C-alpha cells in the first residue's frame, strides 16, 4: 500500500505532462492540462 501510494504521488506531475491534452481551446490555450486547475481551484480544493 505505502510503496504504491508513494510511487503514484511521484508520478503525478509526469503523468500530467504526458497526458496534457486538456486544453481550453479558444481560451487560455497556454494551459496544456487544465483539469488539475478545475479540481484544485474549485470547492473541491478548499481542503
ModelCIF file with pLDDT and N, C-alpha, C, O atoms, coordinates in Angstrom:
data_MODEL
#
_entry.id   MODEL 
#
_entity.id                         1 
_entity.type                       polymer 
_entity.pdbx_number_of_molecules   1 
#
_entity_poly.entity_id                      1 
_entity_poly.type                           'polypeptide(L)' 
_entity_poly.nstd_linkage                   no 
_entity_poly.nstd_monomer                   no 
_entity_poly.pdbx_seq_one_letter_code       
;(UNK)(UNK)(UNK)(UNK)(UNK)(UNK)(UNK)(UNK)(UNK)(UNK)(UNK)(UNK)(UNK)(UNK)(UNK)(UNK)
(UNK)(UNK)(UNK)(UNK)(UNK)(UNK)(UNK)(UNK)(UNK)(UNK)(UNK)(UNK)(UNK)(UNK)(UNK)(UNK)
(UNK)(UNK)(UNK)(UNK)(UNK)(UNK)(UNK)(UNK)(UNK)(UNK)(UNK)(UNK)(UNK)(UNK)(UNK)
;
_entity_poly.pdbx_seq_one_letter_code_can   XXXXXXXXXXXXXXXXXXXXXXXXXXXXXXXXXXXXXXXXXXXXXXX 
_entity_poly.pdbx_strand_id                 A 
#
loop_
_entity_poly_seq.entity_id 
_entity_poly_seq.num 
_entity_poly_seq.mon_id 
_entity_poly_seq.hetero 
1 1  UNK n 
1 2  UNK n 
1 3  UNK n 
1 4  UNK n 
1 5  UNK n 
1 6  UNK n 
1 7  UNK n 
1 8  UNK n 
1 9  UNK n 
1 10 UNK n 
1 11 UNK n 
1 12 UNK n 
1 13 UNK n 
1 14 UNK n 
1 15 UNK n 
1 16 UNK n 
1 17 UNK n 
1 18 UNK n 
1 19 UNK n 
1 20 UNK n 
1 21 UNK n 
1 22 UNK n 
1 23 UNK n 
1 24 UNK n 
1 25 UNK n 
1 26 UNK n 
1 27 UNK n 
1 28 UNK n 
1 29 UNK n 
1 30 UNK n 
1 31 UNK n 
1 32 UNK n 
1 33 UNK n 
1 34 UNK n 
1 35 UNK n 
1 36 UNK n 
1 37 UNK n 
1 38 UNK n 
1 39 UNK n 
1 40 UNK n 
1 41 UNK n 
1 42 UNK n 
1 43 UNK n 
1 44 UNK n 
1 45 UNK n 
1 46 UNK n 
1 47 UNK n 
#
_struct_asym.id          A 
_struct_asym.entity_id   1 
#
loop_
_ma_qa_metric.id 
_ma_qa_metric.mode 
_ma_qa_metric.name 
_ma_qa_metric.software_group_id 
_ma_qa_metric.type 
1 global pLDDT . pLDDT 
2 local  pLDDT . pLDDT 
#
_ma_qa_metric_global.metric_id      1 
_ma_qa_metric_global.metric_value   86.79 
_ma_qa_metric_global.model_id       1 
_ma_qa_metric_global.ordinal_id     1 
#
loop_
_ma_qa_metric_local.label_asym_id 
_ma_qa_metric_local.label_comp_id 
_ma_qa_metric_local.label_seq_id 
_ma_qa_metric_local.metric_id 
_ma_qa_metric_local.metric_value 
_ma_qa_metric_local.model_id 
_ma_qa_metric_local.ordinal_id 
A UNK 1  2 96.00 1 1  
A UNK 2  2 97.00 1 2  
A UNK 3  2 97.00 1 3  
A UNK 4  2 95.00 1 4  
A UNK 5  2 95.00 1 5  
A UNK 6  2 96.00 1 6  
A UNK 7  2 95.00 1 7  
A UNK 8  2 91.00 1 8  
A UNK 9  2 90.00 1 9  
A UNK 10 2 91.00 1 10 
A UNK 11 2 90.00 1 11 
A UNK 12 2 83.00 1 12 
A UNK 13 2 82.00 1 13 
A UNK 14 2 85.00 1 14 
A UNK 15 2 80.00 1 15 
A UNK 16 2 76.00 1 16 
A UNK 17 2 76.00 1 17 
A UNK 18 2 76.00 1 18 
A UNK 19 2 70.00 1 19 
A UNK 20 2 68.00 1 20 
A UNK 21 2 81.00 1 21 
A UNK 22 2 84.00 1 22 
A UNK 23 2 84.00 1 23 
A UNK 24 2 86.00 1 24 
A UNK 25 2 81.00 1 25 
A UNK 26 2 81.00 1 26 
A UNK 27 2 82.00 1 27 
A UNK 28 2 77.00 1 28 
A UNK 29 2 76.00 1 29 
A UNK 30 2 79.00 1 30 
A UNK 31 2 77.00 1 31 
A UNK 32 2 76.00 1 32 
A UNK 33 2 82.00 1 33 
A UNK 34 2 86.00 1 34 
A UNK 35 2 84.00 1 35 
A UNK 36 2 85.00 1 36 
A UNK 37 2 89.00 1 37 
A UNK 38 2 93.00 1 38 
A UNK 39 2 93.00 1 39 
A UNK 40 2 94.00 1 40 
A UNK 41 2 96.00 1 41 
A UNK 42 2 98.00 1 42 
A UNK 43 2 98.00 1 43 
A UNK 44 2 97.00 1 44 
A UNK 45 2 97.00 1 45 
A UNK 46 2 97.00 1 46 
A UNK 47 2 97.00 1 47 
#
loop_
_atom_site.group_PDB 
_atom_site.id 
_atom_site.type_symbol 
_atom_site.label_atom_id 
_atom_site.label_alt_id 
_atom_site.label_comp_id 
_atom_site.label_asym_id 
_atom_site.label_entity_id 
_atom_site.label_seq_id 
_atom_site.pdbx_PDB_ins_code 
_atom_site.Cartn_x 
_atom_site.Cartn_y 
_atom_site.Cartn_z 
_atom_site.occupancy 
_atom_site.B_iso_or_equiv 
_atom_site.pdbx_formal_charge 
_atom_site.auth_seq_id 
_atom_site.auth_comp_id 
_atom_site.auth_asym_id 
_atom_site.auth_atom_id 
_atom_site.pdbx_PDB_model_num 
ATOM 1   N N  . UNK A 1 1  ? 0.825   -1.212 0.000   1.00 96.00 ? 1  UNK A N  1 
ATOM 2   C CA . UNK A 1 1  ? 0.000   0.000  0.000   1.00 96.00 ? 1  UNK A CA 1 
ATOM 3   C C  . UNK A 1 1  ? 0.856   1.258  0.000   1.00 96.00 ? 1  UNK A C  1 
ATOM 4   O O  . UNK A 1 1  ? 0.669   2.134  -0.845  1.00 96.00 ? 1  UNK A O  1 
ATOM 5   N N  . UNK A 1 2  ? 1.776   1.354  0.923   1.00 97.00 ? 2  UNK A N  1 
ATOM 6   C CA . UNK A 1 2  ? 2.576   2.575  1.063   1.00 97.00 ? 2  UNK A CA 1 
ATOM 7   C C  . UNK A 1 2  ? 3.484   2.793  -0.141  1.00 97.00 ? 2  UNK A C  1 
ATOM 8   O O  . UNK A 1 2  ? 3.593   3.910  -0.647  1.00 97.00 ? 2  UNK A O  1 
ATOM 9   N N  . UNK A 1 3  ? 4.140   1.719  -0.601  1.00 97.00 ? 3  UNK A N  1 
ATOM 10  C CA . UNK A 1 3  ? 5.021   1.835  -1.759  1.00 97.00 ? 3  UNK A CA 1 
ATOM 11  C C  . UNK A 1 3  ? 4.243   2.312  -2.982  1.00 97.00 ? 3  UNK A C  1 
ATOM 12  O O  . UNK A 1 3  ? 4.713   3.168  -3.731  1.00 97.00 ? 3  UNK A O  1 
ATOM 13  N N  . UNK A 1 4  ? 3.051   1.754  -3.177  1.00 95.00 ? 4  UNK A N  1 
ATOM 14  C CA . UNK A 1 4  ? 2.218   2.124  -4.333  1.00 95.00 ? 4  UNK A CA 1 
ATOM 15  C C  . UNK A 1 4  ? 1.789   3.582  -4.264  1.00 95.00 ? 4  UNK A C  1 
ATOM 16  O O  . UNK A 1 4  ? 1.894   4.307  -5.254  1.00 95.00 ? 4  UNK A O  1 
ATOM 17  N N  . UNK A 1 5  ? 1.308   4.017  -3.109  1.00 95.00 ? 5  UNK A N  1 
ATOM 18  C CA . UNK A 1 5  ? 0.847   5.400  -2.971  1.00 95.00 ? 5  UNK A CA 1 
ATOM 19  C C  . UNK A 1 5  ? 1.994   6.390  -3.133  1.00 95.00 ? 5  UNK A C  1 
ATOM 20  O O  . UNK A 1 5  ? 1.840   7.417  -3.795  1.00 95.00 ? 5  UNK A O  1 
ATOM 21  N N  . UNK A 1 6  ? 3.130   6.090  -2.539  1.00 96.00 ? 6  UNK A N  1 
ATOM 22  C CA . UNK A 1 6  ? 4.284   6.976  -2.679  1.00 96.00 ? 6  UNK A CA 1 
ATOM 23  C C  . UNK A 1 6  ? 4.744   7.065  -4.129  1.00 96.00 ? 6  UNK A C  1 
ATOM 24  O O  . UNK A 1 6  ? 5.103   8.141  -4.607  1.00 96.00 ? 6  UNK A O  1 
ATOM 25  N N  . UNK A 1 7  ? 4.733   5.932  -4.828  1.00 95.00 ? 7  UNK A N  1 
ATOM 26  C CA . UNK A 1 7  ? 5.163   5.918  -6.229  1.00 95.00 ? 7  UNK A CA 1 
ATOM 27  C C  . UNK A 1 7  ? 4.213   6.711  -7.110  1.00 95.00 ? 7  UNK A C  1 
ATOM 28  O O  . UNK A 1 7  ? 4.652   7.503  -7.944  1.00 95.00 ? 7  UNK A O  1 
ATOM 29  N N  . UNK A 1 8  ? 2.911   6.503  -6.930  1.00 91.00 ? 8  UNK A N  1 
ATOM 30  C CA . UNK A 1 8  ? 1.947   7.206  -7.771  1.00 91.00 ? 8  UNK A CA 1 
ATOM 31  C C  . UNK A 1 8  ? 1.949   8.707  -7.494  1.00 91.00 ? 8  UNK A C  1 
ATOM 32  O O  . UNK A 1 8  ? 1.710   9.501  -8.404  1.00 91.00 ? 8  UNK A O  1 
ATOM 33  N N  . UNK A 1 9  ? 2.215   9.104  -6.260  1.00 90.00 ? 9  UNK A N  1 
ATOM 34  C CA . UNK A 1 9  ? 2.305   10.532 -5.954  1.00 90.00 ? 9  UNK A CA 1 
ATOM 35  C C  . UNK A 1 9  ? 3.452   11.180 -6.726  1.00 90.00 ? 9  UNK A C  1 
ATOM 36  O O  . UNK A 1 9  ? 3.330   12.309 -7.200  1.00 90.00 ? 9  UNK A O  1 
ATOM 37  N N  . UNK A 1 10 ? 4.562   10.461 -6.847  1.00 91.00 ? 10 UNK A N  1 
ATOM 38  C CA . UNK A 1 10 ? 5.710   10.998 -7.584  1.00 91.00 ? 10 UNK A CA 1 
ATOM 39  C C  . UNK A 1 10 ? 5.485   10.987 -9.093  1.00 91.00 ? 10 UNK A C  1 
ATOM 40  O O  . UNK A 1 10 ? 6.066   11.794 -9.819  1.00 91.00 ? 10 UNK A O  1 
ATOM 41  N N  . UNK A 1 11 ? 4.650   10.083 -9.557  1.00 90.00 ? 11 UNK A N  1 
ATOM 42  C CA . UNK A 1 11 ? 4.359   10.013 -10.994 1.00 90.00 ? 11 UNK A CA 1 
ATOM 43  C C  . UNK A 1 11 ? 3.351   11.068 -11.444 1.00 90.00 ? 11 UNK A C  1 
ATOM 44  O O  . UNK A 1 11 ? 3.246   11.356 -12.636 1.00 90.00 ? 11 UNK A O  1 
ATOM 45  N N  . UNK A 1 12 ? 2.620   11.637 -10.510 1.00 83.00 ? 12 UNK A N  1 
ATOM 46  C CA . UNK A 1 12 ? 1.521   12.542 -10.869 1.00 83.00 ? 12 UNK A CA 1 
ATOM 47  C C  . UNK A 1 12 ? 1.958   13.713 -11.748 1.00 83.00 ? 12 UNK A C  1 
ATOM 48  O O  . UNK A 1 12 ? 1.312   13.957 -12.767 1.00 83.00 ? 12 UNK A O  1 
ATOM 49  N N  . UNK A 1 13 ? 3.018   14.448 -11.411 1.00 82.00 ? 13 UNK A N  1 
ATOM 50  C CA . UNK A 1 13 ? 3.419   15.561 -12.288 1.00 82.00 ? 13 UNK A CA 1 
ATOM 51  C C  . UNK A 1 13 ? 3.833   15.093 -13.682 1.00 82.00 ? 13 UNK A C  1 
ATOM 52  O O  . UNK A 1 13 ? 3.560   15.762 -14.678 1.00 82.00 ? 13 UNK A O  1 
ATOM 53  N N  . UNK A 1 14 ? 4.498   13.930 -13.741 1.00 85.00 ? 14 UNK A N  1 
ATOM 54  C CA . UNK A 1 14 ? 4.921   13.396 -15.045 1.00 85.00 ? 14 UNK A CA 1 
ATOM 55  C C  . UNK A 1 14 ? 3.705   13.011 -15.866 1.00 85.00 ? 14 UNK A C  1 
ATOM 56  O O  . UNK A 1 14 ? 3.646   13.267 -17.069 1.00 85.00 ? 14 UNK A O  1 
ATOM 57  N N  . UNK A 1 15 ? 2.740   12.397 -15.210 1.00 80.00 ? 15 UNK A N  1 
ATOM 58  C CA . UNK A 1 15 ? 1.509   11.989 -15.893 1.00 80.00 ? 15 UNK A CA 1 
ATOM 59  C C  . UNK A 1 15 ? 0.782   13.194 -16.481 1.00 80.00 ? 15 UNK A C  1 
ATOM 60  O O  . UNK A 1 15 ? 0.251   13.129 -17.589 1.00 80.00 ? 15 UNK A O  1 
ATOM 61  N N  . UNK A 1 16 ? 0.761   14.291 -15.732 1.00 76.00 ? 16 UNK A N  1 
ATOM 62  C CA . UNK A 1 16 ? 0.091   15.497 -16.220 1.00 76.00 ? 16 UNK A CA 1 
ATOM 63  C C  . UNK A 1 16 ? 0.741   16.016 -17.497 1.00 76.00 ? 16 UNK A C  1 
ATOM 64  O O  . UNK A 1 16 ? 0.053   16.543 -18.372 1.00 76.00 ? 16 UNK A O  1 
ATOM 65  N N  . UNK A 1 17 ? 2.056   15.873 -17.611 1.00 76.00 ? 17 UNK A N  1 
ATOM 66  C CA . UNK A 1 17 ? 2.758   16.317 -18.824 1.00 76.00 ? 17 UNK A CA 1 
ATOM 67  C C  . UNK A 1 17 ? 2.539   15.350 -19.977 1.00 76.00 ? 17 UNK A C  1 
ATOM 68  O O  . UNK A 1 17 ? 2.313   15.768 -21.113 1.00 76.00 ? 17 UNK A O  1 
ATOM 69  N N  . UNK A 1 18 ? 2.608   14.050 -19.680 1.00 76.00 ? 18 UNK A N  1 
ATOM 70  C CA . UNK A 1 18 ? 2.441   13.044 -20.735 1.00 76.00 ? 18 UNK A CA 1 
ATOM 71  C C  . UNK A 1 18 ? 1.038   13.075 -21.336 1.00 76.00 ? 18 UNK A C  1 
ATOM 72  O O  . UNK A 1 18 ? 0.865   12.868 -22.537 1.00 76.00 ? 18 UNK A O  1 
ATOM 73  N N  . UNK A 1 19 ? 0.043   13.334 -20.498 1.00 70.00 ? 19 UNK A N  1 
ATOM 74  C CA . UNK A 1 19 ? -1.343  13.319 -20.957 1.00 70.00 ? 19 UNK A CA 1 
ATOM 75  C C  . UNK A 1 19 ? -1.953  14.718 -20.874 1.00 70.00 ? 19 UNK A C  1 
ATOM 76  O O  . UNK A 1 19 ? -3.111  14.892 -20.494 1.00 70.00 ? 19 UNK A O  1 
ATOM 77  N N  . UNK A 1 20 ? -1.130  15.718 -21.245 1.00 68.00 ? 20 UNK A N  1 
ATOM 78  C CA . UNK A 1 20 ? -1.581  17.103 -21.169 1.00 68.00 ? 20 UNK A CA 1 
ATOM 79  C C  . UNK A 1 20 ? -2.468  17.479 -22.340 1.00 68.00 ? 20 UNK A C  1 
ATOM 80  O O  . UNK A 1 20 ? -2.144  18.397 -23.094 1.00 68.00 ? 20 UNK A O  1 
ATOM 81  N N  . UNK A 1 21 ? -3.590  16.779 -22.504 1.00 81.00 ? 21 UNK A N  1 
ATOM 82  C CA . UNK A 1 21 ? -4.479  17.029 -23.641 1.00 81.00 ? 21 UNK A CA 1 
ATOM 83  C C  . UNK A 1 21 ? -5.764  17.730 -23.214 1.00 81.00 ? 21 UNK A C  1 
ATOM 84  O O  . UNK A 1 21 ? -6.762  17.696 -23.934 1.00 81.00 ? 21 UNK A O  1 
ATOM 85  N N  . UNK A 1 22 ? -5.739  18.363 -22.048 1.00 84.00 ? 22 UNK A N  1 
ATOM 86  C CA . UNK A 1 22 ? -6.940  19.012 -21.518 1.00 84.00 ? 22 UNK A CA 1 
ATOM 87  C C  . UNK A 1 22 ? -6.816  20.523 -21.674 1.00 84.00 ? 22 UNK A C  1 
ATOM 88  O O  . UNK A 1 22 ? -6.541  21.247 -20.717 1.00 84.00 ? 22 UNK A O  1 
ATOM 89  N N  . UNK A 1 23 ? -7.026  20.977 -22.903 1.00 84.00 ? 23 UNK A N  1 
ATOM 90  C CA . UNK A 1 23 ? -6.841  22.398 -23.221 1.00 84.00 ? 23 UNK A CA 1 
ATOM 91  C C  . UNK A 1 23 ? -8.183  23.110 -23.346 1.00 84.00 ? 23 UNK A C  1 
ATOM 92  O O  . UNK A 1 23 ? -9.176  22.530 -23.786 1.00 84.00 ? 23 UNK A O  1 
ATOM 93  N N  . UNK A 1 24 ? -8.187  24.369 -22.951 1.00 86.00 ? 24 UNK A N  1 
ATOM 94  C CA . UNK A 1 24 ? -9.359  25.219 -23.163 1.00 86.00 ? 24 UNK A CA 1 
ATOM 95  C C  . UNK A 1 24 ? -9.182  25.918 -24.502 1.00 86.00 ? 24 UNK A C  1 
ATOM 96  O O  . UNK A 1 24 ? -8.668  27.035 -24.559 1.00 86.00 ? 24 UNK A O  1 
ATOM 97  N N  . UNK A 1 25 ? -9.602  25.272 -25.569 1.00 81.00 ? 25 UNK A N  1 
ATOM 98  C CA . UNK A 1 25 ? -9.446  25.849 -26.899 1.00 81.00 ? 25 UNK A CA 1 
ATOM 99  C C  . UNK A 1 25 ? -10.194 27.169 -26.992 1.00 81.00 ? 25 UNK A C  1 
ATOM 100 O O  . UNK A 1 25 ? -11.293 27.308 -26.456 1.00 81.00 ? 25 UNK A O  1 
ATOM 101 N N  . UNK A 1 26 ? -9.595  28.135 -27.674 1.00 81.00 ? 26 UNK A N  1 
ATOM 102 C CA . UNK A 1 26 ? -10.129 29.491 -27.822 1.00 81.00 ? 26 UNK A CA 1 
ATOM 103 C C  . UNK A 1 26 ? -10.097 30.277 -26.514 1.00 81.00 ? 26 UNK A C  1 
ATOM 104 O O  . UNK A 1 26 ? -10.658 31.369 -26.428 1.00 81.00 ? 26 UNK A O  1 
ATOM 105 N N  . UNK A 1 27 ? -9.443  29.721 -25.503 1.00 82.00 ? 27 UNK A N  1 
ATOM 106 C CA . UNK A 1 27 ? -9.395  30.403 -24.206 1.00 82.00 ? 27 UNK A CA 1 
ATOM 107 C C  . UNK A 1 27 ? -8.276  29.777 -23.381 1.00 82.00 ? 27 UNK A C  1 
ATOM 108 O O  . UNK A 1 27 ? -8.276  28.566 -23.159 1.00 82.00 ? 27 UNK A O  1 
ATOM 109 N N  . UNK A 1 28 ? -7.335  30.575 -22.931 1.00 77.00 ? 28 UNK A N  1 
ATOM 110 C CA . UNK A 1 28 ? -6.215  30.097 -22.121 1.00 77.00 ? 28 UNK A CA 1 
ATOM 111 C C  . UNK A 1 28 ? -5.529  28.888 -22.769 1.00 77.00 ? 28 UNK A C  1 
ATOM 112 O O  . UNK A 1 28 ? -5.319  27.860 -22.124 1.00 77.00 ? 28 UNK A O  1 
ATOM 113 N N  . UNK A 1 29 ? -5.188  29.026 -24.034 1.00 76.00 ? 29 UNK A N  1 
ATOM 114 C CA . UNK A 1 29 ? -4.600  27.905 -24.761 1.00 76.00 ? 29 UNK A CA 1 
ATOM 115 C C  . UNK A 1 29 ? -3.164  27.600 -24.335 1.00 76.00 ? 29 UNK A C  1 
ATOM 116 O O  . UNK A 1 29 ? -2.578  26.618 -24.793 1.00 76.00 ? 29 UNK A O  1 
ATOM 117 N N  . UNK A 1 30 ? -2.595  28.432 -23.464 1.00 79.00 ? 30 UNK A N  1 
ATOM 118 C CA . UNK A 1 30 ? -1.255  28.143 -22.958 1.00 79.00 ? 30 UNK A CA 1 
ATOM 119 C C  . UNK A 1 30 ? -1.293  27.060 -21.873 1.00 79.00 ? 30 UNK A C  1 
ATOM 120 O O  . UNK A 1 30 ? -0.246  26.549 -21.475 1.00 79.00 ? 30 UNK A O  1 
ATOM 121 N N  . UNK A 1 31 ? -2.480  26.712 -21.398 1.00 77.00 ? 31 UNK A N  1 
ATOM 122 C CA . UNK A 1 31 ? -2.622  25.644 -20.416 1.00 77.00 ? 31 UNK A CA 1 
ATOM 123 C C  . UNK A 1 31 ? -2.692  24.299 -21.142 1.00 77.00 ? 31 UNK A C  1 
ATOM 124 O O  . UNK A 1 31 ? -3.632  24.049 -21.897 1.00 77.00 ? 31 UNK A O  1 
ATOM 125 N N  . UNK A 1 32 ? -1.705  23.437 -20.916 1.00 76.00 ? 32 UNK A N  1 
ATOM 126 C CA . UNK A 1 32 ? -1.727  22.120 -21.544 1.00 76.00 ? 32 UNK A CA 1 
ATOM 127 C C  . UNK A 1 32 ? -2.637  21.152 -20.805 1.00 76.00 ? 32 UNK A C  1 
ATOM 128 O O  . UNK A 1 32 ? -3.191  20.234 -21.410 1.00 76.00 ? 32 UNK A O  1 
ATOM 129 N N  . UNK A 1 33 ? -2.791  21.348 -19.520 1.00 82.00 ? 33 UNK A N  1 
ATOM 130 C CA . UNK A 1 33 ? -3.612  20.441 -18.715 1.00 82.00 ? 33 UNK A CA 1 
ATOM 131 C C  . UNK A 1 33 ? -4.368  21.259 -17.675 1.00 82.00 ? 33 UNK A C  1 
ATOM 132 O O  . UNK A 1 33 ? -3.834  21.573 -16.611 1.00 82.00 ? 33 UNK A O  1 
ATOM 133 N N  . UNK A 1 34 ? -5.605  21.599 -17.989 1.00 86.00 ? 34 UNK A N  1 
ATOM 134 C CA . UNK A 1 34 ? -6.372  22.456 -17.069 1.00 86.00 ? 34 UNK A CA 1 
ATOM 135 C C  . UNK A 1 34 ? -7.224  21.644 -16.091 1.00 86.00 ? 34 UNK A C  1 
ATOM 136 O O  . UNK A 1 34 ? -7.877  22.221 -15.222 1.00 86.00 ? 34 UNK A O  1 
ATOM 137 N N  . UNK A 1 35 ? -7.227  20.315 -16.220 1.00 84.00 ? 35 UNK A N  1 
ATOM 138 C CA . UNK A 1 35 ? -8.073  19.525 -15.334 1.00 84.00 ? 35 UNK A CA 1 
ATOM 139 C C  . UNK A 1 35 ? -7.640  19.658 -13.873 1.00 84.00 ? 35 UNK A C  1 
ATOM 140 O O  . UNK A 1 35 ? -8.487  19.685 -12.980 1.00 84.00 ? 35 UNK A O  1 
ATOM 141 N N  . UNK A 1 36 ? -6.328  19.741 -13.621 1.00 85.00 ? 36 UNK A N  1 
ATOM 142 C CA . UNK A 1 36 ? -5.879  19.927 -12.244 1.00 85.00 ? 36 UNK A CA 1 
ATOM 143 C C  . UNK A 1 36 ? -6.437  21.227 -11.671 1.00 85.00 ? 36 UNK A C  1 
ATOM 144 O O  . UNK A 1 36 ? -6.881  21.277 -10.525 1.00 85.00 ? 36 UNK A O  1 
ATOM 145 N N  . UNK A 1 37 ? -6.405  22.287 -12.500 1.00 89.00 ? 37 UNK A N  1 
ATOM 146 C CA . UNK A 1 37 ? -6.949  23.568 -12.058 1.00 89.00 ? 37 UNK A CA 1 
ATOM 147 C C  . UNK A 1 37 ? -8.441  23.446 -11.762 1.00 89.00 ? 37 UNK A C  1 
ATOM 148 O O  . UNK A 1 37 ? -8.925  23.989 -10.769 1.00 89.00 ? 37 UNK A O  1 
ATOM 149 N N  . UNK A 1 38 ? -9.176  22.727 -12.629 1.00 93.00 ? 38 UNK A N  1 
ATOM 150 C CA . UNK A 1 38 ? -10.612 22.567 -12.415 1.00 93.00 ? 38 UNK A CA 1 
ATOM 151 C C  . UNK A 1 38 ? -10.899 22.024 -11.026 1.00 93.00 ? 38 UNK A C  1 
ATOM 152 O O  . UNK A 1 38 ? -11.795 22.516 -10.341 1.00 93.00 ? 38 UNK A O  1 
ATOM 153 N N  . UNK A 1 39 ? -10.151 21.018 -10.605 1.00 93.00 ? 39 UNK A N  1 
ATOM 154 C CA . UNK A 1 39 ? -10.390 20.406 -9.304  1.00 93.00 ? 39 UNK A CA 1 
ATOM 155 C C  . UNK A 1 39 ? -9.825  21.232 -8.162  1.00 93.00 ? 39 UNK A C  1 
ATOM 156 O O  . UNK A 1 39 ? -10.511 21.501 -7.176  1.00 93.00 ? 39 UNK A O  1 
ATOM 157 N N  . UNK A 1 40 ? -8.572  21.631 -8.303  1.00 94.00 ? 40 UNK A N  1 
ATOM 158 C CA . UNK A 1 40 ? -7.885  22.261 -7.185  1.00 94.00 ? 40 UNK A CA 1 
ATOM 159 C C  . UNK A 1 40 ? -8.395  23.661 -6.879  1.00 94.00 ? 40 UNK A C  1 
ATOM 160 O O  . UNK A 1 40 ? -8.333  24.105 -5.732  1.00 94.00 ? 40 UNK A O  1 
ATOM 161 N N  . UNK A 1 41 ? -8.901  24.364 -7.895  1.00 96.00 ? 41 UNK A N  1 
ATOM 162 C CA . UNK A 1 41 ? -9.400  25.723 -7.676  1.00 96.00 ? 41 UNK A CA 1 
ATOM 163 C C  . UNK A 1 41 ? -10.917 25.796 -7.736  1.00 96.00 ? 41 UNK A C  1 
ATOM 164 O O  . UNK A 1 41 ? -11.497 26.794 -8.165  1.00 96.00 ? 41 UNK A O  1 
ATOM 165 N N  . UNK A 1 42 ? -11.535 24.720 -7.296  1.00 98.00 ? 42 UNK A N  1 
ATOM 166 C CA . UNK A 1 42 ? -12.990 24.676 -7.123  1.00 98.00 ? 42 UNK A CA 1 
ATOM 167 C C  . UNK A 1 42 ? -13.275 24.435 -5.648  1.00 98.00 ? 42 UNK A C  1 
ATOM 168 O O  . UNK A 1 42 ? -12.347 24.394 -4.839  1.00 98.00 ? 42 UNK A O  1 
ATOM 169 N N  . UNK A 1 43 ? -14.530 24.276 -5.290  1.00 98.00 ? 43 UNK A N  1 
ATOM 170 C CA . UNK A 1 43 ? -14.856 23.998 -3.886  1.00 98.00 ? 43 UNK A CA 1 
ATOM 171 C C  . UNK A 1 43 ? -14.300 22.641 -3.436  1.00 98.00 ? 43 UNK A C  1 
ATOM 172 O O  . UNK A 1 43 ? -14.191 22.388 -2.236  1.00 98.00 ? 43 UNK A O  1 
ATOM 173 N N  . UNK A 1 44 ? -13.949 21.768 -4.388  1.00 97.00 ? 44 UNK A N  1 
ATOM 174 C CA . UNK A 1 44 ? -13.287 20.521 -4.007  1.00 97.00 ? 44 UNK A CA 1 
ATOM 175 C C  . UNK A 1 44 ? -11.928 20.803 -3.365  1.00 97.00 ? 44 UNK A C  1 
ATOM 176 O O  . UNK A 1 44 ? -11.460 20.029 -2.530  1.00 97.00 ? 44 UNK A O  1 
ATOM 177 N N  . UNK A 1 45 ? -11.301 21.907 -3.753  1.00 97.00 ? 45 UNK A N  1 
ATOM 178 C CA . UNK A 1 45 ? -9.957  22.202 -3.296  1.00 97.00 ? 45 UNK A CA 1 
ATOM 179 C C  . UNK A 1 45 ? -9.877  23.085 -2.067  1.00 97.00 ? 45 UNK A C  1 
ATOM 180 O O  . UNK A 1 45 ? -8.786  23.505 -1.682  1.00 97.00 ? 45 UNK A O  1 
ATOM 181 N N  . UNK A 1 46 ? -11.013 23.379 -1.438  1.00 97.00 ? 46 UNK A N  1 
ATOM 182 C CA . UNK A 1 46 ? -10.978 24.176 -0.209  1.00 97.00 ? 46 UNK A CA 1 
ATOM 183 C C  . UNK A 1 46 ? -10.086 23.486 0.820   1.00 97.00 ? 46 UNK A C  1 
ATOM 184 O O  . UNK A 1 46 ? -9.316  24.135 1.529   1.00 97.00 ? 46 UNK A O  1 
ATOM 185 N N  . UNK A 1 47 ? -10.203 22.176 0.887   1.00 97.00 ? 47 UNK A N  1 
ATOM 186 C CA . UNK A 1 47 ? -9.253  21.376 1.663   1.00 97.00 ? 47 UNK A CA 1 
ATOM 187 C C  . UNK A 1 47 ? -8.295  20.743 0.660   1.00 97.00 ? 47 UNK A C  1 
ATOM 188 O O  . UNK A 1 47 ? -7.386  20.011 1.051   1.00 97.00 ? 47 UNK A O  1 
#
